[in-house]
């Protein structure tokens, strides 16, 4: 189930996997993916909050909406130039030539092109489509292969645009390589938004500062690291996820894992929960999309299982395997 905000900006956690989940995304591939990701984000005008590129799948967290497609003609042309003029494929270069010709001619020719381009801006589905297609073209040409690279379109979860929900999902994404045992600190994993924010800074730092309403990057970083490295069941920051057995032992003894431990596990709510956020937000989404649910369903928000989620709820009640 894919829920998209109808009238305003929304935050989306999107995931896509390689067909058969084959681990074909090496260092070179992930570096190319990272560059294409930012180029598509710039074209679509979406705000890339964070991302993580793994060996056979990727996660992105974006803020997107129709407002971001409401660009002036000059802005539309500039965005198109940044994306299509530097494209890898012949089709992209030919497409750019037609756009440039229409822009210089003006009139109805450009008006038609501008509207088509605007339709691709601010839309999370177009963002994902262009990103995946762009990388697939490069990957297939490099490997002299044909056919699909991705096993399906993509899955997405609508996340409440509030500090607790966004920061928790962002931390979950940035901690992917820690859960996989690849690194102990996500700063050491080149292909995630947290590492890029530390290394380069210009892209993701403003989003984190705004998210935490921090006066500067140092304050935002300190607050974010509290979520990334909050004491887990062992009390040791930077530790990979505790084992399922240890987690269950804590719960059997009446303990409740906090966010710092919970985000170090596989959390299906963030990939299959449809909507995640406060009870009021999830209930509002349920009411807005009431036609998608059976008549017998009385409420939208379900408490998230597994520990203390500090008030976060999910639209879907994942009774089994909610935590990995």
C-alpha atoms as a PDB file:
ATOM      1  CA  UNK A   1       0.000   0.000   0.000  1.00  0.00           C
ATOM      2  CA  UNK A   2       1.454   3.333  -1.087  1.00  0.00           C
ATOM      3  CA  UNK A   3       0.058   6.500   0.526  1.00  0.00           C
ATOM      4  CA  UNK A   4       0.900   9.915  -0.971  1.00  0.00           C
ATOM      5  CA  UNK A   5      -0.055  13.278   0.466  1.00  0.00           C
ATOM      6  CA  UNK A   6      -2.657  14.898  -1.775  1.00  0.00           C
ATOM      7  CA  UNK A   7      -2.218  18.595  -1.144  1.00  0.00           C
ATOM      8  CA  UNK A   8       0.963  19.274   0.804  1.00  0.00           C
ATOM      9  CA  UNK A   9       4.546  18.199   1.213  1.00  0.00           C
ATOM     10  CA  UNK A  10       5.173  14.735   2.588  1.00  0.00           C
ATOM     11  CA  UNK A  11       8.188  12.794   3.840  1.00  0.00           C
ATOM     12  CA  UNK A  12       8.655   9.358   2.270  1.00  0.00           C
ATOM     13  CA  UNK A  13      10.920   6.443   3.116  1.00  0.00           C
ATOM     14  CA  UNK A  14      11.418   4.575  -0.164  1.00  0.00           C
ATOM     15  CA  UNK A  15      13.131   1.230  -0.667  1.00  0.00           C
ATOM     16  CA  UNK A  16      13.977  -0.769  -3.771  1.00  0.00           C
ATOM     17  CA  UNK A  17      15.877  -4.031  -4.220  1.00  0.00           C
ATOM     18  CA  UNK A  18      17.874  -5.641  -6.992  1.00  0.00           C
ATOM     19  CA  UNK A  19      16.093  -8.488  -8.775  1.00  0.00           C
ATOM     20  CA  UNK A  20      16.654 -11.784  -6.933  1.00  0.00           C
ATOM     21  CA  UNK A  21      18.408  -9.623  -4.301  1.00  0.00           C
ATOM     22  CA  UNK A  22      21.737 -10.267  -5.943  1.00  0.00           C
ATOM     23  CA  UNK A  23      24.643  -8.308  -4.484  1.00  0.00           C
ATOM     24  CA  UNK A  24      25.783  -6.530  -7.605  1.00  0.00           C
ATOM     25  CA  UNK A  25      26.231  -3.008  -6.240  1.00  0.00           C
ATOM     26  CA  UNK A  26      29.921  -2.646  -5.523  1.00  0.00           C
ATOM     27  CA  UNK A  27      31.924   0.445  -4.656  1.00  0.00           C
ATOM     28  CA  UNK A  28      31.940   1.826  -8.196  1.00  0.00           C
ATOM     29  CA  UNK A  29      28.226   1.192  -8.675  1.00  0.00           C
ATOM     30  CA  UNK A  30      27.271   2.829  -5.386  1.00  0.00           C
ATOM     31  CA  UNK A  31      29.382   5.881  -6.130  1.00  0.00           C
ATOM     32  CA  UNK A  32      27.621   6.304  -9.475  1.00  0.00           C
ATOM     33  CA  UNK A  33      24.268   5.798  -7.729  1.00  0.00           C
ATOM     34  CA  UNK A  34      25.121   8.513  -5.214  1.00  0.00           C
ATOM     35  CA  UNK A  35      25.863  11.025  -7.965  1.00  0.00           C
ATOM     36  CA  UNK A  36      22.723  10.148  -9.946  1.00  0.00           C
ATOM     37  CA  UNK A  37      20.653  10.352  -6.759  1.00  0.00           C
ATOM     38  CA  UNK A  38      21.647  13.958  -6.112  1.00  0.00           C
ATOM     39  CA  UNK A  39      21.267  14.904  -9.774  1.00  0.00           C
ATOM     40  CA  UNK A  40      17.702  13.551  -9.883  1.00  0.00           C
ATOM     41  CA  UNK A  41      16.865  15.207  -6.542  1.00  0.00           C
ATOM     42  CA  UNK A  42      18.024  18.545  -7.945  1.00  0.00           C
ATOM     43  CA  UNK A  43      15.936  18.099 -11.090  1.00  0.00           C
ATOM     44  CA  UNK A  44      12.791  17.043  -9.231  1.00  0.00           C
ATOM     45  CA  UNK A  45      13.291  19.684  -6.579  1.00  0.00           C
ATOM     46  CA  UNK A  46      12.793  17.167  -3.769  1.00  0.00           C
ATOM     47  CA  UNK A  47      14.701  17.454  -0.510  1.00  0.00           C
ATOM     48  CA  UNK A  48      16.922  14.435   0.033  1.00  0.00           C
ATOM     49  CA  UNK A  49      17.003  14.032   3.814  1.00  0.00           C
ATOM     50  CA  UNK A  50      19.188  10.943   3.891  1.00  0.00           C
ATOM     51  CA  UNK A  51      19.911   7.713   2.015  1.00  0.00           C
ATOM     52  CA  UNK A  52      21.804   4.445   2.257  1.00  0.00           C
ATOM     53  CA  UNK A  53      23.082   2.448  -0.713  1.00  0.00           C
ATOM     54  CA  UNK A  54      23.713  -1.209   0.107  1.00  0.00           C
ATOM     55  CA  UNK A  55      24.958  -4.165  -1.934  1.00  0.00           C
ATOM     56  CA  UNK A  56      21.550  -5.235  -3.233  1.00  0.00           C
ATOM     57  CA  UNK A  57      19.110  -2.482  -2.230  1.00  0.00           C
ATOM     58  CA  UNK A  58      18.840   1.150  -1.270  1.00  0.00           C
ATOM     59  CA  UNK A  59      16.895   3.418   1.060  1.00  0.00           C
ATOM     60  CA  UNK A  60      16.068   7.089   0.519  1.00  0.00           C
ATOM     61  CA  UNK A  61      14.209   9.543   2.740  1.00  0.00           C
ATOM     62  CA  UNK A  62      12.824  12.513   0.842  1.00  0.00           C
ATOM     63  CA  UNK A  63      10.511  15.446   1.392  1.00  0.00           C
ATOM     64  CA  UNK A  64       8.410  15.856  -1.750  1.00  0.00           C
ATOM     65  CA  UNK A  65       5.199  17.474  -2.922  1.00  0.00           C
ATOM     66  CA  UNK A  66       3.504  19.355  -5.736  1.00  0.00           C
ATOM     67  CA  UNK A  67       4.753  22.692  -4.404  1.00  0.00           C
ATOM     68  CA  UNK A  68       8.263  21.724  -5.483  1.00  0.00           C
ATOM     69  CA  UNK A  69       7.089  21.412  -9.068  1.00  0.00           C
ATOM     70  CA  UNK A  70       5.712  24.951  -9.134  1.00  0.00           C
ATOM     71  CA  UNK A  71       8.893  26.427 -10.617  1.00  0.00           C
ATOM     72  CA  UNK A  72       9.296  29.356 -12.981  1.00  0.00           C
ATOM     73  CA  UNK A  73      10.136  28.736 -16.628  1.00  0.00           C
ATOM     74  CA  UNK A  74      13.746  29.730 -15.995  1.00  0.00           C
ATOM     75  CA  UNK A  75      13.988  27.352 -13.031  1.00  0.00           C
ATOM     76  CA  UNK A  76      12.413  24.511 -15.005  1.00  0.00           C
ATOM     77  CA  UNK A  77      14.914  25.054 -17.819  1.00  0.00           C
ATOM     78  CA  UNK A  78      17.859  25.213 -15.385  1.00  0.00           C
ATOM     79  CA  UNK A  79      16.800  22.026 -13.625  1.00  0.00           C
ATOM     80  CA  UNK A  80      16.307  20.231 -16.950  1.00  0.00           C
ATOM     81  CA  UNK A  81      19.724  21.372 -18.133  1.00  0.00           C
ATOM     82  CA  UNK A  82      21.366  20.070 -14.961  1.00  0.00           C
ATOM     83  CA  UNK A  83      19.736  16.682 -15.372  1.00  0.00           C
ATOM     84  CA  UNK A  84      19.369  15.976 -19.091  1.00  0.00           C
ATOM     85  CA  UNK A  85      22.319  17.898 -20.561  1.00  0.00           C
ATOM     86  CA  UNK A  86      24.744  15.888 -18.426  1.00  0.00           C
ATOM     87  CA  UNK A  87      22.919  12.600 -19.005  1.00  0.00           C
ATOM     88  CA  UNK A  88      24.800   9.423 -19.748  1.00  0.00           C
ATOM     89  CA  UNK A  89      22.561   8.028 -22.466  1.00  0.00           C
ATOM     90  CA  UNK A  90      22.040   9.134 -26.045  1.00  0.00           C
ATOM     91  CA  UNK A  91      18.297   9.277 -25.384  1.00  0.00           C
ATOM     92  CA  UNK A  92      18.831  11.821 -22.585  1.00  0.00           C
ATOM     93  CA  UNK A  93      21.061  13.970 -24.782  1.00  0.00           C
ATOM     94  CA  UNK A  94      18.514  13.900 -27.595  1.00  0.00           C
ATOM     95  CA  UNK A  95      15.760  14.732 -25.125  1.00  0.00           C
ATOM     96  CA  UNK A  96      17.785  17.703 -23.916  1.00  0.00           C
ATOM     97  CA  UNK A  97      18.305  18.926 -27.469  1.00  0.00           C
ATOM     98  CA  UNK A  98      14.515  19.026 -27.954  1.00  0.00           C
ATOM     99  CA  UNK A  99      14.020  20.863 -24.648  1.00  0.00           C
ATOM    100  CA  UNK A 100      16.697  23.436 -25.493  1.00  0.00           C
ATOM    101  CA  UNK A 101      15.238  23.997 -28.966  1.00  0.00           C
ATOM    102  CA  UNK A 102      11.738  24.538 -27.548  1.00  0.00           C
ATOM    103  CA  UNK A 103      12.989  26.911 -24.854  1.00  0.00           C
ATOM    104  CA  UNK A 104      14.804  29.092 -27.372  1.00  0.00           C
ATOM    105  CA  UNK A 105      11.792  29.119 -29.670  1.00  0.00           C
ATOM    106  CA  UNK A 106       9.355  29.914 -26.873  1.00  0.00           C
ATOM    107  CA  UNK A 107       5.617  30.123 -27.305  1.00  0.00           C
ATOM    108  CA  UNK A 108       3.435  27.030 -27.288  1.00  0.00           C
ATOM    109  CA  UNK A 109       6.370  24.721 -27.981  1.00  0.00           C
ATOM    110  CA  UNK A 110       8.060  25.664 -24.703  1.00  0.00           C
ATOM    111  CA  UNK A 111       4.788  25.861 -22.763  1.00  0.00           C
ATOM    112  CA  UNK A 112       4.085  22.228 -23.569  1.00  0.00           C
ATOM    113  CA  UNK A 113       7.577  21.131 -22.598  1.00  0.00           C
ATOM    114  CA  UNK A 114       7.512  23.175 -19.396  1.00  0.00           C
ATOM    115  CA  UNK A 115       4.275  21.547 -18.261  1.00  0.00           C
ATOM    116  CA  UNK A 116       5.603  18.051 -18.974  1.00  0.00           C
ATOM    117  CA  UNK A 117       8.758  18.778 -17.021  1.00  0.00           C
ATOM    118  CA  UNK A 118       6.881  20.347 -14.114  1.00  0.00           C
ATOM    119  CA  UNK A 119       4.755  17.196 -13.860  1.00  0.00           C
ATOM    120  CA  UNK A 120       7.954  15.291 -13.026  1.00  0.00           C
ATOM    121  CA  UNK A 121       9.013  17.723 -10.311  1.00  0.00           C
ATOM    122  CA  UNK A 122       8.047  17.368  -6.697  1.00  0.00           C
ATOM    123  CA  UNK A 123       6.519  13.932  -7.252  1.00  0.00           C
ATOM    124  CA  UNK A 124       8.066  11.076  -5.281  1.00  0.00           C
ATOM    125  CA  UNK A 125       7.033   8.485  -7.886  1.00  0.00           C
ATOM    126  CA  UNK A 126       8.746  10.392 -10.704  1.00  0.00           C
ATOM    127  CA  UNK A 127      11.784  10.917  -8.500  1.00  0.00           C
ATOM    128  CA  UNK A 128      12.135   7.189  -7.885  1.00  0.00           C
ATOM    129  CA  UNK A 129      11.414   6.334 -11.515  1.00  0.00           C
ATOM    130  CA  UNK A 130      14.074   8.679 -12.881  1.00  0.00           C
ATOM    131  CA  UNK A 131      16.631   7.620 -10.290  1.00  0.00           C
ATOM    132  CA  UNK A 132      16.182   3.904 -10.900  1.00  0.00           C
ATOM    133  CA  UNK A 133      15.994   4.271 -14.672  1.00  0.00           C
ATOM    134  CA  UNK A 134      19.065   6.494 -14.777  1.00  0.00           C
ATOM    135  CA  UNK A 135      21.150   4.025 -12.827  1.00  0.00           C
ATOM    136  CA  UNK A 136      19.792   1.016 -14.734  1.00  0.00           C
ATOM    137  CA  UNK A 137      20.828   2.563 -18.057  1.00  0.00           C
ATOM    138  CA  UNK A 138      24.359   3.112 -16.765  1.00  0.00           C
ATOM    139  CA  UNK A 139      24.553  -0.336 -15.137  1.00  0.00           C
ATOM    140  CA  UNK A 140      23.299  -2.224 -18.201  1.00  0.00           C
ATOM    141  CA  UNK A 141      25.563  -0.367 -20.583  1.00  0.00           C
ATOM    142  CA  UNK A 142      28.607  -0.915 -18.364  1.00  0.00           C
ATOM    143  CA  UNK A 143      27.899  -4.623 -18.003  1.00  0.00           C
ATOM    144  CA  UNK A 144      26.691  -5.119 -21.583  1.00  0.00           C
ATOM    145  CA  UNK A 145      23.426  -6.504 -20.265  1.00  0.00           C
ATOM    146  CA  UNK A 146      19.717  -6.009 -20.919  1.00  0.00           C
ATOM    147  CA  UNK A 147      16.573  -6.453 -18.893  1.00  0.00           C
ATOM    148  CA  UNK A 148      15.339  -5.241 -15.558  1.00  0.00           C
ATOM    149  CA  UNK A 149      17.665  -4.549 -12.655  1.00  0.00           C
ATOM    150  CA  UNK A 150      15.061  -3.939  -9.945  1.00  0.00           C
ATOM    151  CA  UNK A 151      12.644  -6.563  -8.635  1.00  0.00           C
ATOM    152  CA  UNK A 152       9.647  -4.172  -8.466  1.00  0.00           C
ATOM    153  CA  UNK A 153       8.740  -0.480  -8.563  1.00  0.00           C
ATOM    154  CA  UNK A 154       9.493   0.498  -4.973  1.00  0.00           C
ATOM    155  CA  UNK A 155       7.940   0.391  -1.539  1.00  0.00           C
ATOM    156  CA  UNK A 156       7.311   3.562   0.424  1.00  0.00           C
ATOM    157  CA  UNK A 157       6.112   4.634   3.845  1.00  0.00           C
ATOM    158  CA  UNK A 158       4.713   8.084   4.525  1.00  0.00           C
ATOM    159  CA  UNK A 159       6.460   9.565   7.564  1.00  0.00           C
ATOM    160  CA  UNK A 160       5.012  12.388   9.636  1.00  0.00           C
ATOM    161  CA  UNK A 161       7.002  15.552   8.975  1.00  0.00           C
ATOM    162  CA  UNK A 162       7.854  16.034  12.637  1.00  0.00           C
ATOM    163  CA  UNK A 163      11.277  15.821  14.386  1.00  0.00           C
ATOM    164  CA  UNK A 164      10.677  12.564  16.264  1.00  0.00           C
ATOM    165  CA  UNK A 165       9.322  10.587  13.305  1.00  0.00           C
ATOM    166  CA  UNK A 166      11.723  11.918  10.667  1.00  0.00           C
ATOM    167  CA  UNK A 167      14.827  11.674  12.862  1.00  0.00           C
ATOM    168  CA  UNK A 168      13.946   8.119  13.934  1.00  0.00           C
ATOM    169  CA  UNK A 169      13.468   6.895  10.367  1.00  0.00           C
ATOM    170  CA  UNK A 170      16.572   8.782   9.219  1.00  0.00           C
ATOM    171  CA  UNK A 171      18.626   7.120  11.950  1.00  0.00           C
ATOM    172  CA  UNK A 172      17.208   3.731  10.980  1.00  0.00           C
ATOM    173  CA  UNK A 173      18.334   4.325   7.392  1.00  0.00           C
ATOM    174  CA  UNK A 174      21.792   5.584   8.318  1.00  0.00           C
ATOM    175  CA  UNK A 175      22.295   2.596  10.622  1.00  0.00           C
ATOM    176  CA  UNK A 176      21.794   0.057   7.831  1.00  0.00           C
ATOM    177  CA  UNK A 177      25.528  -0.711   7.468  1.00  0.00           C
ATOM    178  CA  UNK A 178      25.804  -1.047  11.268  1.00  0.00           C
ATOM    179  CA  UNK A 179      22.975  -3.587  11.364  1.00  0.00           C
ATOM    180  CA  UNK A 180      24.681  -5.455   8.513  1.00  0.00           C
ATOM    181  CA  UNK A 181      27.907  -5.606  10.507  1.00  0.00           C
ATOM    182  CA  UNK A 182      29.872  -3.637   7.906  1.00  0.00           C
ATOM    183  CA  UNK A 183      30.891  -0.801  10.240  1.00  0.00           C
ATOM    184  CA  UNK A 184      30.466   0.180  13.873  1.00  0.00           C
ATOM    185  CA  UNK A 185      29.782   3.817  13.103  1.00  0.00           C
ATOM    186  CA  UNK A 186      27.800   4.972  10.025  1.00  0.00           C
ATOM    187  CA  UNK A 187      30.320   7.776   9.500  1.00  0.00           C
ATOM    188  CA  UNK A 188      32.670   5.074   8.224  1.00  0.00           C
ATOM    189  CA  UNK A 189      30.247   3.939   5.512  1.00  0.00           C
ATOM    190  CA  UNK A 190      30.762   6.136   2.478  1.00  0.00           C
ATOM    191  CA  UNK A 191      27.364   5.590   0.869  1.00  0.00           C
ATOM    192  CA  UNK A 192      24.963   6.902   3.487  1.00  0.00           C
ATOM    193  CA  UNK A 193      23.655  10.391   4.111  1.00  0.00           C
ATOM    194  CA  UNK A 194      25.176  10.652   7.589  1.00  0.00           C
ATOM    195  CA  UNK A 195      28.706   9.988   6.317  1.00  0.00           C
ATOM    196  CA  UNK A 196      28.211  12.444   3.467  1.00  0.00           C
ATOM    197  CA  UNK A 197      26.962  15.110   5.879  1.00  0.00           C
ATOM    198  CA  UNK A 198      30.119  14.720   7.945  1.00  0.00           C
ATOM    199  CA  UNK A 199      32.472  14.575   4.971  1.00  0.00           C
ATOM    200  CA  UNK A 200      30.975  17.157   2.610  1.00  0.00           C
ATOM    201  CA  UNK A 201      28.337  18.885   4.632  1.00  0.00           C
ATOM    202  CA  UNK A 202      26.732  21.253   2.157  1.00  0.00           C
ATOM    203  CA  UNK A 203      23.914  18.933   1.173  1.00  0.00           C
ATOM    204  CA  UNK A 204      22.414  17.297   4.239  1.00  0.00           C
ATOM    205  CA  UNK A 205      23.513  19.574   7.080  1.00  0.00           C
ATOM    206  CA  UNK A 206      20.845  22.259   6.437  1.00  0.00           C
ATOM    207  CA  UNK A 207      18.099  19.626   6.598  1.00  0.00           C
ATOM    208  CA  UNK A 208      19.300  18.294   9.946  1.00  0.00           C
ATOM    209  CA  UNK A 209      19.619  21.797  11.376  1.00  0.00           C
ATOM    210  CA  UNK A 210      16.068  22.580  10.284  1.00  0.00           C
ATOM    211  CA  UNK A 211      14.745  19.230  11.519  1.00  0.00           C
ATOM    212  CA  UNK A 212      16.073  19.722  15.046  1.00  0.00           C
ATOM    213  CA  UNK A 213      15.501  23.481  15.011  1.00  0.00           C
ATOM    214  CA  UNK A 214      19.169  23.779  15.874  1.00  0.00           C
ATOM    215  CA  UNK A 215      21.089  27.042  15.683  1.00  0.00           C
ATOM    216  CA  UNK A 216      24.038  25.377  13.956  1.00  0.00           C
ATOM    217  CA  UNK A 217      25.408  22.094  12.622  1.00  0.00           C
ATOM    218  CA  UNK A 218      27.189  21.168  15.864  1.00  0.00           C
ATOM    219  CA  UNK A 219      23.930  21.313  17.829  1.00  0.00           C
ATOM    220  CA  UNK A 220      22.011  19.349  15.173  1.00  0.00           C
ATOM    221  CA  UNK A 221      24.741  16.714  15.020  1.00  0.00           C
ATOM    222  CA  UNK A 222      24.769  16.292  18.794  1.00  0.00           C
ATOM    223  CA  UNK A 223      20.989  15.762  18.845  1.00  0.00           C
ATOM    224  CA  UNK A 224      21.077  13.327  15.942  1.00  0.00           C
ATOM    225  CA  UNK A 225      23.856  11.279  17.493  1.00  0.00           C
ATOM    226  CA  UNK A 226      21.717  10.853  20.607  1.00  0.00           C
ATOM    227  CA  UNK A 227      19.345   8.834  18.430  1.00  0.00           C
ATOM    228  CA  UNK A 228      22.068   7.086  16.429  1.00  0.00           C
ATOM    229  CA  UNK A 229      24.070   6.085  19.504  1.00  0.00           C
ATOM    230  CA  UNK A 230      21.619   6.152  22.375  1.00  0.00           C
ATOM    231  CA  UNK A 231      22.356   3.442  24.906  1.00  0.00           C
ATOM    232  CA  UNK A 232      21.137   0.085  23.707  1.00  0.00           C
ATOM    233  CA  UNK A 233      20.453  -3.027  25.761  1.00  0.00           C
ATOM    234  CA  UNK A 234      24.196  -3.380  26.383  1.00  0.00           C
ATOM    235  CA  UNK A 235      24.693   0.303  27.173  1.00  0.00           C
ATOM    236  CA  UNK A 236      27.480   0.521  24.603  1.00  0.00           C
ATOM    237  CA  UNK A 237      27.181   3.167  21.879  1.00  0.00           C
ATOM    238  CA  UNK A 238      28.097   2.189  18.362  1.00  0.00           C
ATOM    239  CA  UNK A 239      27.268  -1.490  18.844  1.00  0.00           C
ATOM    240  CA  UNK A 240      25.562  -3.457  16.094  1.00  0.00           C
ATOM    241  CA  UNK A 241      22.036  -4.685  16.778  1.00  0.00           C
ATOM    242  CA  UNK A 242      21.605  -6.921  19.769  1.00  0.00           C
ATOM    243  CA  UNK A 243      20.561 -10.463  18.999  1.00  0.00           C
ATOM    244  CA  UNK A 244      16.878 -11.431  18.794  1.00  0.00           C
ATOM    245  CA  UNK A 245      17.447 -13.675  21.823  1.00  0.00           C
ATOM    246  CA  UNK A 246      18.849 -10.795  23.877  1.00  0.00           C
ATOM    247  CA  UNK A 247      16.024  -8.535  22.783  1.00  0.00           C
ATOM    248  CA  UNK A 248      13.392 -11.085  23.805  1.00  0.00           C
ATOM    249  CA  UNK A 249      15.134 -11.610  27.153  1.00  0.00           C
ATOM    250  CA  UNK A 250      14.855  -7.898  27.879  1.00  0.00           C
ATOM    251  CA  UNK A 251      11.164  -7.958  26.984  1.00  0.00           C
ATOM    252  CA  UNK A 252      10.428 -11.117  29.006  1.00  0.00           C
ATOM    253  CA  UNK A 253      11.967  -9.444  32.045  1.00  0.00           C
ATOM    254  CA  UNK A 254       9.553  -6.558  31.632  1.00  0.00           C
ATOM    255  CA  UNK A 255      12.015  -4.182  30.013  1.00  0.00           C
ATOM    256  CA  UNK A 256      11.226  -1.957  27.058  1.00  0.00           C
ATOM    257  CA  UNK A 257      13.863  -1.203  24.481  1.00  0.00           C
ATOM    258  CA  UNK A 258      14.343   2.477  23.708  1.00  0.00           C
ATOM    259  CA  UNK A 259      14.784   4.133  20.315  1.00  0.00           C
ATOM    260  CA  UNK A 260      18.566   3.735  20.443  1.00  0.00           C
ATOM    261  CA  UNK A 261      18.169  -0.048  20.493  1.00  0.00           C
ATOM    262  CA  UNK A 262      15.053  -0.322  18.347  1.00  0.00           C
ATOM    263  CA  UNK A 263      16.561   1.396  15.292  1.00  0.00           C
ATOM    264  CA  UNK A 264      19.435  -1.090  15.382  1.00  0.00           C
ATOM    265  CA  UNK A 265      17.034  -3.849  14.398  1.00  0.00           C
ATOM    266  CA  UNK A 266      15.176  -4.516  11.184  1.00  0.00           C
ATOM    267  CA  UNK A 267      11.937  -2.592  11.701  1.00  0.00           C
ATOM    268  CA  UNK A 268       9.208  -3.580   9.246  1.00  0.00           C
ATOM    269  CA  UNK A 269       7.047  -0.635  10.251  1.00  0.00           C
ATOM    270  CA  UNK A 270       9.474   1.585   8.343  1.00  0.00           C
ATOM    271  CA  UNK A 271       9.150  -0.455   5.148  1.00  0.00           C
ATOM    272  CA  UNK A 272       5.643  -1.935   5.379  1.00  0.00           C
ATOM    273  CA  UNK A 273       3.757   0.251   7.846  1.00  0.00           C
ATOM    274  CA  UNK A 274       2.227   2.478   5.113  1.00  0.00           C
ATOM    275  CA  UNK A 275       2.180   5.533   7.434  1.00  0.00           C
ATOM    276  CA  UNK A 276       4.301   6.180  10.538  1.00  0.00           C
ATOM    277  CA  UNK A 277       3.939   9.061  12.966  1.00  0.00           C
ATOM    278  CA  UNK A 278       1.960  10.334  15.930  1.00  0.00           C
ATOM    279  CA  UNK A 279      -1.483   8.887  16.575  1.00  0.00           C
ATOM    280  CA  UNK A 280      -3.146  12.121  15.427  1.00  0.00           C
ATOM    281  CA  UNK A 281      -1.205  12.143  12.146  1.00  0.00           C
ATOM    282  CA  UNK A 282      -1.892   8.492  11.313  1.00  0.00           C
ATOM    283  CA  UNK A 283      -5.579   8.863  12.167  1.00  0.00           C
ATOM    284  CA  UNK A 284      -5.789  11.925   9.889  1.00  0.00           C
ATOM    285  CA  UNK A 285      -4.218   9.946   7.026  1.00  0.00           C
ATOM    286  CA  UNK A 286      -6.631   7.083   7.670  1.00  0.00           C
ATOM    287  CA  UNK A 287      -9.562   9.494   7.442  1.00  0.00           C
ATOM    288  CA  UNK A 288      -8.180  11.113   4.291  1.00  0.00           C
ATOM    289  CA  UNK A 289      -7.790   7.748   2.542  1.00  0.00           C
ATOM    290  CA  UNK A 290     -10.779   6.039   4.142  1.00  0.00           C
ATOM    291  CA  UNK A 291     -11.953   4.631   0.790  1.00  0.00           C
ATOM    292  CA  UNK A 292      -8.942   2.312   0.669  1.00  0.00           C
ATOM    293  CA  UNK A 293      -9.951   0.397   3.779  1.00  0.00           C
ATOM    294  CA  UNK A 294     -12.768  -1.966   4.561  1.00  0.00           C
ATOM    295  CA  UNK A 295     -15.957  -0.701   6.166  1.00  0.00           C
ATOM    296  CA  UNK A 296     -15.309  -2.712   9.310  1.00  0.00           C
ATOM    297  CA  UNK A 297     -12.082  -0.936  10.127  1.00  0.00           C
ATOM    298  CA  UNK A 298     -12.757   1.578  12.877  1.00  0.00           C
ATOM    299  CA  UNK A 299      -9.367   3.181  13.521  1.00  0.00           C
ATOM    300  CA  UNK A 300      -6.187   3.965  11.665  1.00  0.00           C
ATOM    301  CA  UNK A 301      -3.351   4.166  14.173  1.00  0.00           C
ATOM    302  CA  UNK A 302      -1.822   1.084  15.778  1.00  0.00           C
ATOM    303  CA  UNK A 303       0.789   1.133  18.495  1.00  0.00           C
ATOM    304  CA  UNK A 304       4.162  -0.041  17.245  1.00  0.00           C
ATOM    305  CA  UNK A 305       5.362  -3.198  18.933  1.00  0.00           C
ATOM    306  CA  UNK A 306       8.800  -4.137  20.220  1.00  0.00           C
ATOM    307  CA  UNK A 307       9.630  -1.390  22.685  1.00  0.00           C
ATOM    308  CA  UNK A 308       9.159   2.231  23.612  1.00  0.00           C
ATOM    309  CA  UNK A 309       8.597   4.143  20.367  1.00  0.00           C
ATOM    310  CA  UNK A 310       7.854   7.367  22.269  1.00  0.00           C
ATOM    311  CA  UNK A 311       4.368   7.687  20.820  1.00  0.00           C
ATOM    312  CA  UNK A 312       5.031   6.666  17.220  1.00  0.00           C
ATOM    313  CA  UNK A 313       2.266   4.615  15.611  1.00  0.00           C
ATOM    314  CA  UNK A 314       1.715   2.822  12.309  1.00  0.00           C
ATOM    315  CA  UNK A 315      -1.213   2.626   9.900  1.00  0.00           C
ATOM    316  CA  UNK A 316      -0.669  -1.107   9.512  1.00  0.00           C
ATOM    317  CA  UNK A 317      -0.789  -3.420  12.508  1.00  0.00           C
ATOM    318  CA  UNK A 318       2.120  -5.782  11.895  1.00  0.00           C
ATOM    319  CA  UNK A 319       1.321  -8.555  14.325  1.00  0.00           C
ATOM    320  CA  UNK A 320       4.064 -10.890  13.125  1.00  0.00           C
ATOM    321  CA  UNK A 321       7.727 -10.180  12.456  1.00  0.00           C
ATOM    322  CA  UNK A 322       7.396  -6.465  13.143  1.00  0.00           C
ATOM    323  CA  UNK A 323      10.999  -6.526  14.375  1.00  0.00           C
ATOM    324  CA  UNK A 324      13.871  -8.462  12.811  1.00  0.00           C
END
